[in-house]
N, C-alpha and C. Protein backbone atom coordinates (compact mmCIF):
# COMPACT_ATOMS: atom_id res chain seq x y z
N MET A 1 205.11 -19.53 -114.88
CA MET A 1 206.08 -18.80 -114.95
C MET A 1 207.31 -19.06 -113.74
N GLY A 2 206.72 -19.90 -112.81
CA GLY A 2 207.64 -20.22 -111.46
C GLY A 2 208.20 -21.42 -112.59
N LYS A 3 207.67 -21.74 -113.14
CA LYS A 3 208.53 -23.39 -113.23
C LYS A 3 209.70 -22.76 -114.19
N ASN A 4 209.68 -21.76 -114.97
CA ASN A 4 210.10 -21.33 -116.14
C ASN A 4 211.92 -20.83 -115.34
N THR A 5 211.39 -19.74 -114.79
CA THR A 5 212.50 -19.30 -113.49
C THR A 5 213.66 -20.61 -112.70
N LEU A 6 212.84 -21.58 -112.39
CA LEU A 6 213.62 -22.50 -111.50
C LEU A 6 214.37 -23.10 -112.97
N LYS A 7 213.54 -23.37 -113.92
CA LYS A 7 214.60 -23.71 -115.34
C LYS A 7 216.04 -23.01 -115.15
N ARG A 8 215.29 -21.71 -115.58
CA ARG A 8 216.84 -20.66 -115.60
C ARG A 8 217.59 -20.80 -114.96
N SER A 9 216.84 -21.02 -113.37
CA SER A 9 218.28 -20.62 -112.37
C SER A 9 219.14 -22.04 -112.20
N LEU A 10 218.32 -22.99 -112.83
CA LEU A 10 219.10 -24.55 -112.51
C LEU A 10 220.46 -24.83 -113.71
N ILE A 11 219.85 -24.23 -114.90
CA ILE A 11 220.64 -23.94 -116.06
C ILE A 11 221.50 -23.07 -115.56
N VAL A 12 221.79 -21.41 -115.50
CA VAL A 12 222.66 -20.81 -115.12
C VAL A 12 223.65 -21.84 -113.58
N GLY A 13 223.08 -21.97 -112.69
CA GLY A 13 223.89 -22.70 -111.74
C GLY A 13 224.79 -23.62 -112.45
N ILE A 14 224.41 -24.74 -113.61
CA ILE A 14 225.39 -26.00 -113.78
C ILE A 14 226.24 -25.10 -114.93
N ILE A 15 225.96 -24.51 -115.18
CA ILE A 15 226.63 -23.26 -116.43
C ILE A 15 228.08 -22.71 -115.28
N VAL A 16 227.53 -21.85 -114.03
CA VAL A 16 228.80 -21.31 -113.40
C VAL A 16 229.57 -22.48 -112.58
N LEU A 17 229.19 -23.62 -112.09
CA LEU A 17 229.39 -24.82 -111.71
C LEU A 17 230.65 -25.39 -112.82
N PHE A 18 230.24 -25.55 -113.96
CA PHE A 18 230.99 -25.90 -114.86
C PHE A 18 232.25 -24.58 -115.52
N LEU A 19 231.85 -23.77 -114.98
CA LEU A 19 233.14 -23.15 -115.85
C LEU A 19 234.02 -22.21 -114.48
N SER A 20 233.57 -22.94 -113.10
CA SER A 20 234.55 -22.76 -112.11
C SER A 20 235.35 -23.62 -111.65
N THR A 21 234.75 -25.30 -112.19
CA THR A 21 235.79 -26.03 -112.48
C THR A 21 236.28 -26.64 -113.49
N ALA A 22 235.88 -26.23 -114.59
CA ALA A 22 236.67 -26.59 -115.95
C ALA A 22 237.75 -25.47 -116.49
N CYS A 23 237.14 -24.39 -116.14
CA CYS A 23 238.33 -23.24 -116.43
C CYS A 23 238.84 -22.59 -115.44
N LEU A 24 239.08 -23.17 -113.82
CA LEU A 24 239.60 -22.34 -113.19
C LEU A 24 241.26 -22.09 -113.37
N HIS A 25 241.92 -22.77 -114.15
CA HIS A 25 243.09 -22.73 -114.45
C HIS A 25 243.56 -21.55 -115.71
N VAL A 26 242.61 -21.27 -116.14
CA VAL A 26 242.43 -20.19 -117.27
C VAL A 26 241.93 -18.83 -116.47
N VAL A 27 241.15 -18.44 -115.57
CA VAL A 27 240.54 -17.53 -115.08
C VAL A 27 241.73 -17.53 -113.81
N ALA A 28 242.40 -18.32 -113.19
CA ALA A 28 243.28 -18.05 -112.11
C ALA A 28 244.45 -17.38 -112.68
N GLY A 29 245.21 -17.70 -114.00
CA GLY A 29 246.27 -17.32 -114.60
C GLY A 29 247.37 -17.83 -114.21
N GLU A 30 247.35 -19.04 -113.99
CA GLU A 30 248.43 -19.71 -113.20
C GLU A 30 249.36 -19.84 -114.07
N GLU A 31 250.71 -19.17 -114.24
CA GLU A 31 251.50 -20.13 -115.41
C GLU A 31 252.56 -20.44 -114.79
N LYS A 32 253.04 -21.88 -115.69
CA LYS A 32 254.13 -22.96 -115.41
C LYS A 32 254.66 -23.01 -116.31
N PRO A 33 256.21 -23.50 -116.47
CA PRO A 33 257.42 -24.01 -117.05
C PRO A 33 255.83 -25.53 -117.84
N ASP A 34 256.20 -25.74 -118.36
CA ASP A 34 256.15 -27.17 -119.15
C ASP A 34 257.55 -27.72 -120.12
N LEU A 35 258.10 -28.69 -120.00
CA LEU A 35 259.25 -29.22 -120.56
C LEU A 35 258.70 -30.48 -121.66
N ILE A 36 259.96 -30.36 -122.59
CA ILE A 36 259.17 -31.36 -123.17
C ILE A 36 260.90 -31.97 -123.86
N ILE A 37 261.16 -32.54 -124.45
CA ILE A 37 262.20 -33.10 -125.85
C ILE A 37 261.56 -33.38 -127.32
N GLU A 38 262.16 -32.29 -128.06
CA GLU A 38 261.92 -32.28 -129.05
C GLU A 38 262.91 -33.14 -129.65
N ASP A 39 263.63 -33.64 -129.55
CA ASP A 39 264.43 -34.58 -130.16
C ASP A 39 265.69 -34.62 -129.82
N LEU A 40 266.14 -36.08 -130.68
CA LEU A 40 267.77 -36.80 -130.27
C LEU A 40 268.99 -36.13 -130.89
N LEU A 41 270.07 -35.34 -130.78
CA LEU A 41 270.86 -34.85 -131.13
C LEU A 41 272.00 -35.76 -131.54
N ILE A 42 272.71 -35.96 -132.76
CA ILE A 42 274.15 -36.48 -132.57
C ILE A 42 274.87 -36.37 -133.98
N LEU A 43 275.60 -35.62 -133.08
CA LEU A 43 276.13 -34.18 -133.50
C LEU A 43 277.45 -35.01 -133.84
N PRO A 44 278.43 -34.52 -135.35
CA PRO A 44 279.57 -34.98 -135.80
C PRO A 44 281.13 -34.66 -134.68
N GLY A 45 281.60 -35.85 -134.96
CA GLY A 45 282.92 -35.06 -133.57
C GLY A 45 284.12 -34.85 -134.51
N HIS A 46 284.75 -34.36 -133.90
CA HIS A 46 286.24 -33.68 -135.05
C HIS A 46 286.76 -34.90 -135.78
N HIS A 47 286.73 -36.57 -135.43
CA HIS A 47 287.53 -37.28 -135.68
C HIS A 47 286.02 -38.25 -136.23
N PRO A 48 286.31 -39.58 -136.61
CA PRO A 48 285.70 -40.56 -136.93
C PRO A 48 285.19 -41.02 -135.42
N TYR A 49 284.18 -41.79 -134.83
CA TYR A 49 284.01 -42.45 -133.50
C TYR A 49 283.76 -41.33 -133.01
N GLU A 50 283.86 -40.14 -132.37
CA GLU A 50 283.63 -39.15 -131.61
C GLU A 50 282.17 -38.07 -131.81
N GLU A 51 281.30 -38.86 -132.14
CA GLU A 51 279.88 -38.20 -131.77
C GLU A 51 279.42 -37.90 -130.82
N GLU A 52 278.93 -36.70 -130.68
CA GLU A 52 278.01 -36.50 -129.57
C GLU A 52 276.38 -36.48 -129.11
N PHE A 53 276.02 -37.41 -128.47
CA PHE A 53 274.84 -36.81 -128.24
C PHE A 53 274.04 -36.17 -127.19
N ARG A 54 272.72 -35.33 -128.06
CA ARG A 54 272.69 -34.16 -126.86
C ARG A 54 270.90 -34.47 -126.91
N CYS A 55 269.94 -34.14 -126.02
CA CYS A 55 268.70 -34.27 -125.87
C CYS A 55 267.95 -32.35 -126.35
N ARG A 56 267.81 -32.31 -126.91
CA ARG A 56 267.08 -31.22 -127.66
C ARG A 56 265.68 -30.80 -126.38
N VAL A 57 265.91 -29.77 -125.88
CA VAL A 57 265.13 -29.72 -124.81
C VAL A 57 264.44 -28.83 -124.73
N LYS A 58 262.80 -28.44 -124.97
CA LYS A 58 261.93 -26.97 -125.50
C LYS A 58 261.08 -27.09 -124.13
N ASN A 59 260.72 -25.55 -123.51
CA ASN A 59 259.95 -25.33 -122.69
C ASN A 59 259.12 -24.55 -123.30
N VAL A 60 257.86 -25.54 -123.52
CA VAL A 60 256.43 -25.20 -124.32
C VAL A 60 255.28 -24.07 -123.25
N GLY A 61 256.05 -23.84 -121.69
CA GLY A 61 255.28 -23.33 -120.81
C GLY A 61 254.91 -21.96 -121.18
N ASP A 62 254.43 -21.14 -120.10
CA ASP A 62 254.07 -20.32 -120.07
C ASP A 62 255.00 -19.28 -118.84
N ALA A 63 255.93 -20.03 -118.62
CA ALA A 63 256.91 -19.47 -117.30
C ALA A 63 258.26 -19.97 -117.98
N SER A 64 259.34 -19.28 -117.57
CA SER A 64 260.65 -19.93 -116.59
C SER A 64 260.43 -21.25 -115.82
N THR A 65 261.42 -21.68 -116.05
CA THR A 65 261.59 -22.69 -115.24
C THR A 65 263.00 -21.75 -114.38
N PRO A 66 262.93 -22.43 -112.58
CA PRO A 66 263.67 -21.75 -111.65
C PRO A 66 265.33 -22.19 -112.21
N SER A 67 265.67 -21.06 -112.13
CA SER A 67 266.85 -21.09 -111.93
C SER A 67 267.84 -21.56 -111.17
N ASP A 68 266.78 -22.05 -110.05
CA ASP A 68 267.75 -22.44 -108.34
C ASP A 68 267.44 -24.31 -108.82
N LYS A 69 267.03 -24.63 -109.88
CA LYS A 69 266.85 -26.07 -109.85
C LYS A 69 266.94 -26.57 -111.35
N ASP A 70 268.23 -27.95 -111.21
CA ASP A 70 269.01 -28.09 -112.29
C ASP A 70 267.71 -28.53 -113.22
N LEU A 71 268.52 -28.38 -114.61
CA LEU A 71 267.63 -29.11 -115.72
C LEU A 71 268.05 -30.33 -116.05
N ASP A 72 267.53 -31.24 -115.40
CA ASP A 72 267.79 -33.18 -115.43
C ASP A 72 267.33 -33.67 -116.69
N ILE A 73 268.12 -34.69 -117.29
CA ILE A 73 267.84 -35.65 -118.33
C ILE A 73 268.26 -36.89 -117.40
N SER A 74 267.21 -37.86 -117.80
CA SER A 74 268.07 -38.78 -117.96
C SER A 74 267.77 -40.01 -119.33
N VAL A 75 268.83 -41.06 -119.95
CA VAL A 75 268.99 -41.53 -120.71
C VAL A 75 268.83 -43.51 -120.82
N THR A 76 267.99 -43.96 -121.02
CA THR A 76 268.51 -45.48 -121.00
C THR A 76 267.81 -45.84 -122.30
N VAL A 77 269.11 -46.63 -123.19
CA VAL A 77 269.22 -47.08 -124.10
C VAL A 77 269.26 -48.45 -123.60
N ARG A 78 268.40 -49.18 -124.89
CA ARG A 78 268.12 -50.57 -124.70
C ARG A 78 268.00 -51.16 -125.88
N TRP A 79 268.99 -52.59 -126.47
CA TRP A 79 268.84 -53.18 -127.34
C TRP A 79 267.63 -53.43 -127.57
N LYS A 80 267.59 -53.15 -129.21
CA LYS A 80 266.03 -53.93 -130.12
C LYS A 80 266.32 -55.00 -130.86
N THR A 81 265.87 -56.28 -130.02
CA THR A 81 266.55 -57.74 -129.96
C THR A 81 265.76 -58.27 -131.73
N PHE A 82 266.41 -58.23 -132.91
CA PHE A 82 266.39 -58.64 -133.96
C PHE A 82 265.50 -57.35 -135.18
N GLY A 83 265.97 -56.06 -134.30
CA GLY A 83 265.25 -55.09 -134.67
C GLY A 83 263.84 -54.95 -134.42
N LEU A 84 263.20 -55.71 -133.31
CA LEU A 84 261.36 -55.62 -133.35
C LEU A 84 261.64 -55.58 -131.82
N LEU A 85 261.68 -56.10 -130.48
CA LEU A 85 261.54 -55.75 -129.18
C LEU A 85 262.73 -54.78 -128.63
N PRO A 86 262.47 -53.77 -127.60
CA PRO A 86 262.99 -52.82 -126.91
C PRO A 86 263.61 -53.92 -125.86
N LEU A 87 264.27 -54.90 -125.10
CA LEU A 87 264.16 -55.99 -124.40
C LEU A 87 265.22 -55.66 -123.54
N ILE A 88 266.60 -55.02 -124.13
CA ILE A 88 267.70 -55.47 -122.67
C ILE A 88 268.22 -54.02 -122.60
N PRO A 89 268.08 -53.60 -122.02
CA PRO A 89 268.65 -51.99 -121.04
C PRO A 89 270.17 -52.24 -121.14
N VAL A 90 271.12 -51.55 -122.33
CA VAL A 90 272.52 -51.48 -122.19
C VAL A 90 273.64 -50.28 -121.68
N ARG A 91 272.97 -49.54 -121.44
CA ARG A 91 273.31 -47.94 -121.08
C ARG A 91 272.54 -47.04 -120.05
N GLU A 92 272.71 -46.61 -119.16
CA GLU A 92 272.04 -45.74 -118.84
C GLU A 92 273.03 -44.39 -118.65
N PHE A 93 272.52 -43.23 -118.36
CA PHE A 93 272.84 -42.17 -118.98
C PHE A 93 272.05 -40.36 -118.08
N ILE A 94 272.61 -40.14 -117.15
CA ILE A 94 272.16 -38.57 -116.62
C ILE A 94 272.68 -37.51 -117.23
N GLY A 95 272.16 -36.40 -117.33
CA GLY A 95 272.76 -35.30 -117.83
C GLY A 95 271.96 -34.47 -117.54
N GLY A 96 272.54 -32.86 -116.99
CA GLY A 96 272.03 -31.91 -117.26
C GLY A 96 272.55 -30.76 -117.39
N THR A 97 271.97 -29.48 -117.04
CA THR A 97 272.63 -27.77 -116.85
C THR A 97 272.52 -27.32 -115.49
N GLY A 98 273.63 -26.99 -115.02
CA GLY A 98 273.45 -26.53 -113.28
C GLY A 98 273.18 -25.55 -113.20
N GLY A 99 271.37 -25.24 -112.68
CA GLY A 99 270.79 -24.14 -112.09
C GLY A 99 270.33 -23.16 -113.14
N SER A 100 270.39 -23.55 -114.87
CA SER A 100 270.57 -22.38 -115.25
C SER A 100 268.79 -22.66 -115.94
N SER A 101 268.18 -21.01 -116.09
CA SER A 101 266.95 -21.45 -116.61
C SER A 101 266.54 -21.41 -117.85
N LEU A 102 265.23 -21.90 -118.27
CA LEU A 102 264.91 -22.00 -119.54
C LEU A 102 263.57 -21.27 -119.63
N ALA A 103 263.44 -19.94 -120.86
CA ALA A 103 262.79 -19.27 -121.05
C ALA A 103 261.42 -19.59 -122.06
N PRO A 104 260.18 -19.56 -121.36
CA PRO A 104 259.17 -19.81 -122.74
C PRO A 104 259.28 -19.75 -123.87
N GLY A 105 259.79 -20.85 -124.49
CA GLY A 105 259.79 -21.10 -125.92
C GLY A 105 261.19 -21.06 -126.30
N GLU A 106 262.00 -21.78 -125.03
CA GLU A 106 263.60 -21.42 -125.25
C GLU A 106 263.99 -22.82 -125.20
N ILE A 107 265.30 -23.56 -126.13
CA ILE A 107 265.42 -24.03 -126.54
C ILE A 107 266.57 -24.46 -126.08
N LYS A 108 267.03 -25.74 -125.64
CA LYS A 108 268.72 -25.83 -124.95
C LYS A 108 268.88 -27.66 -125.34
N ASP A 109 270.25 -27.95 -125.80
CA ASP A 109 270.69 -29.16 -126.07
C ASP A 109 271.57 -29.59 -125.12
N ILE A 110 270.73 -30.42 -124.51
CA ILE A 110 271.92 -30.86 -123.18
C ILE A 110 272.89 -32.40 -123.43
N PRO A 111 273.81 -32.45 -123.67
CA PRO A 111 274.59 -33.81 -123.56
C PRO A 111 274.65 -34.23 -122.64
N PHE A 112 274.60 -35.73 -122.99
CA PHE A 112 274.96 -36.85 -122.01
C PHE A 112 276.21 -37.81 -122.84
N ALA A 113 276.78 -38.06 -123.91
CA ALA A 113 276.99 -39.33 -123.62
C ALA A 113 277.49 -38.96 -125.43
N THR A 114 278.82 -39.50 -125.46
CA THR A 114 279.93 -39.27 -126.86
C THR A 114 279.70 -41.08 -127.42
N THR A 115 279.81 -41.02 -128.43
CA THR A 115 280.36 -42.49 -129.19
C THR A 115 281.09 -43.92 -128.56
N TYR A 116 281.76 -43.27 -127.99
CA TYR A 116 282.99 -44.27 -127.82
C TYR A 116 282.20 -45.11 -126.18
N ARG A 117 281.01 -44.88 -125.58
CA ARG A 117 280.34 -45.29 -124.46
C ARG A 117 278.75 -45.82 -125.57
N MET A 118 278.86 -45.99 -126.41
CA MET A 118 277.75 -46.47 -127.05
C MET A 118 278.30 -47.58 -127.39
N PRO A 119 276.96 -48.39 -127.86
CA PRO A 119 276.87 -50.13 -128.29
C PRO A 119 277.77 -49.92 -129.51
N LEU A 120 277.93 -50.84 -130.21
CA LEU A 120 278.84 -51.80 -131.50
C LEU A 120 278.50 -52.06 -132.22
N PHE A 121 277.12 -52.17 -132.42
CA PHE A 121 276.33 -52.58 -133.68
C PHE A 121 274.55 -53.11 -133.43
N GLY A 122 274.31 -52.61 -134.42
CA GLY A 122 272.88 -52.89 -133.89
C GLY A 122 271.53 -52.06 -133.86
N PHE A 123 270.53 -52.63 -133.79
CA PHE A 123 268.95 -50.94 -133.63
C PHE A 123 268.82 -51.15 -131.92
N TYR A 124 269.12 -49.71 -131.48
CA TYR A 124 269.04 -49.10 -130.09
C TYR A 124 267.92 -48.09 -129.78
N THR A 125 266.93 -48.50 -128.83
CA THR A 125 265.85 -47.67 -128.72
C THR A 125 266.33 -46.80 -127.21
N PHE A 126 266.65 -45.14 -127.70
CA PHE A 126 266.61 -44.34 -126.39
C PHE A 126 265.55 -43.74 -126.02
N TYR A 127 265.53 -43.96 -124.78
CA TYR A 127 264.36 -43.69 -123.88
C TYR A 127 264.76 -42.15 -123.37
N CYS A 128 264.33 -41.33 -123.99
CA CYS A 128 265.18 -39.86 -122.75
C CYS A 128 263.67 -39.53 -121.87
N THR A 129 263.91 -39.07 -121.01
CA THR A 129 263.03 -37.39 -119.65
C THR A 129 263.41 -36.38 -119.44
N VAL A 130 263.10 -35.85 -119.84
CA VAL A 130 263.52 -34.22 -118.57
C VAL A 130 262.98 -34.37 -117.73
N ASP A 131 263.52 -33.73 -117.08
CA ASP A 131 262.76 -33.82 -115.00
C ASP A 131 262.43 -34.79 -115.08
N PRO A 132 263.42 -35.65 -114.48
CA PRO A 132 262.82 -37.46 -114.56
C PRO A 132 262.00 -37.08 -112.57
N GLU A 133 262.65 -36.89 -112.07
CA GLU A 133 262.56 -36.65 -110.72
C GLU A 133 261.60 -35.56 -110.42
N HIS A 134 260.58 -35.16 -111.51
CA HIS A 134 259.60 -33.79 -111.29
C HIS A 134 260.52 -32.72 -110.16
N LYS A 135 261.00 -32.34 -110.58
CA LYS A 135 261.63 -31.66 -109.35
C LYS A 135 261.06 -29.74 -109.97
N ILE A 136 261.23 -29.45 -111.00
CA ILE A 136 260.22 -28.70 -111.46
C ILE A 136 258.82 -28.79 -111.76
N ASP A 137 258.17 -28.02 -110.77
CA ASP A 137 256.49 -27.69 -110.68
C ASP A 137 256.27 -27.25 -112.54
N GLU A 138 255.70 -27.82 -112.95
CA GLU A 138 255.22 -27.61 -114.47
C GLU A 138 253.92 -27.89 -114.94
N SER A 139 253.63 -27.71 -115.86
CA SER A 139 251.89 -27.29 -116.21
C SER A 139 251.07 -29.14 -116.52
N ASN A 140 252.38 -29.81 -117.26
CA ASN A 140 251.79 -30.79 -117.61
C ASN A 140 253.35 -31.83 -117.64
N ASN A 141 253.14 -32.89 -116.83
CA ASN A 141 254.43 -33.56 -116.42
C ASN A 141 254.42 -35.04 -117.58
N GLN A 142 252.87 -34.97 -118.17
CA GLN A 142 253.06 -36.50 -118.99
C GLN A 142 253.90 -36.18 -120.31
N ASN A 143 254.62 -35.02 -121.03
CA ASN A 143 254.84 -35.33 -121.96
C ASN A 143 256.06 -34.97 -122.02
N ASN A 144 257.43 -35.30 -120.91
CA ASN A 144 258.37 -35.55 -120.37
C ASN A 144 259.10 -36.48 -121.54
N VAL A 145 258.64 -37.19 -122.04
CA VAL A 145 259.37 -39.03 -122.47
C VAL A 145 259.77 -38.80 -123.87
N TYR A 146 260.81 -38.73 -124.64
CA TYR A 146 260.91 -38.53 -126.22
C TYR A 146 261.67 -40.63 -126.05
N THR A 147 261.21 -41.00 -127.30
CA THR A 147 262.06 -42.24 -127.29
C THR A 147 262.09 -42.17 -128.92
N GLU A 148 263.60 -42.85 -129.28
CA GLU A 148 263.99 -42.62 -130.88
C GLU A 148 264.91 -44.06 -131.08
N THR A 149 264.85 -45.08 -131.72
CA THR A 149 265.11 -46.13 -132.37
C THR A 149 266.68 -45.38 -133.41
N VAL A 150 267.67 -45.93 -132.65
CA VAL A 150 269.14 -45.43 -134.11
C VAL A 150 269.55 -46.99 -134.02
N LEU A 151 270.16 -46.59 -135.19
CA LEU A 151 271.34 -48.20 -135.88
C LEU A 151 273.11 -47.81 -135.91
N PHE A 152 273.35 -48.60 -134.74
CA PHE A 152 274.62 -48.39 -134.70
C PHE A 152 275.26 -49.50 -135.90
N ILE A 153 276.43 -49.13 -136.38
CA ILE A 153 277.33 -49.55 -137.26
C ILE A 153 278.47 -49.38 -137.08
N LEU A 154 279.22 -50.67 -136.14
CA LEU A 154 280.63 -50.24 -135.75
C LEU A 154 281.21 -49.22 -135.04
N GLN A 155 280.00 -48.21 -134.11
CA GLN A 155 280.16 -47.34 -133.31
C GLN A 155 279.80 -46.17 -133.72
N ALA A 156 279.25 -46.12 -135.31
CA ALA A 156 279.04 -45.28 -136.04
C ALA A 156 277.54 -44.93 -135.67
N ALA A 157 276.60 -43.86 -135.52
CA ALA A 157 275.49 -43.84 -135.30
C ALA A 157 274.38 -43.05 -136.21
N PHE A 158 273.43 -43.80 -136.92
CA PHE A 158 272.68 -43.11 -137.61
C PHE A 158 271.09 -42.88 -137.29
N GLY A 159 270.80 -42.29 -137.10
CA GLY A 159 269.69 -41.36 -136.35
C GLY A 159 269.60 -39.82 -136.61
N SER A 160 269.01 -39.37 -135.88
CA SER A 160 268.69 -37.64 -136.29
C SER A 160 270.05 -36.63 -136.97
N TRP A 161 269.93 -36.43 -137.00
CA TRP A 161 271.44 -35.43 -137.82
C TRP A 161 270.68 -34.30 -138.10
N PRO A 162 271.19 -33.26 -137.44
CA PRO A 162 270.49 -31.67 -137.34
C PRO A 162 270.73 -31.41 -138.25
């Protein structure tokens, strides 16, 4: 009978140890924002070649972002050599909102450029990052990057249209 009690105690101890380490964040109830970029938007302008480029940012976390910290994005545009390898960086942009909070589930489109600042022709890959300097304490910083390839023909962009 002593061996069975020892086995049960050991099993219960292992289960308690597992639950205390693996599920600590669930038990503690720590809520944090989690920012992702859902899409790269190319909005048509009033005149030809006046498209506006925006990143659609969403908070998929359990808490709002702090209103005293800016919601920043950075975008690097790289030329895809022969439409295959994104080698040469040709543009870099920074965008953001000045200290506005983003509630859980809320979406915000952050502008970062217009067509006249974009390349003339070819395939280009956009590398978009939300909160690049990790100013906002998030539950997951690993999902802050979004990439998309866009074709430019005489500065007209063909990519994601809302």
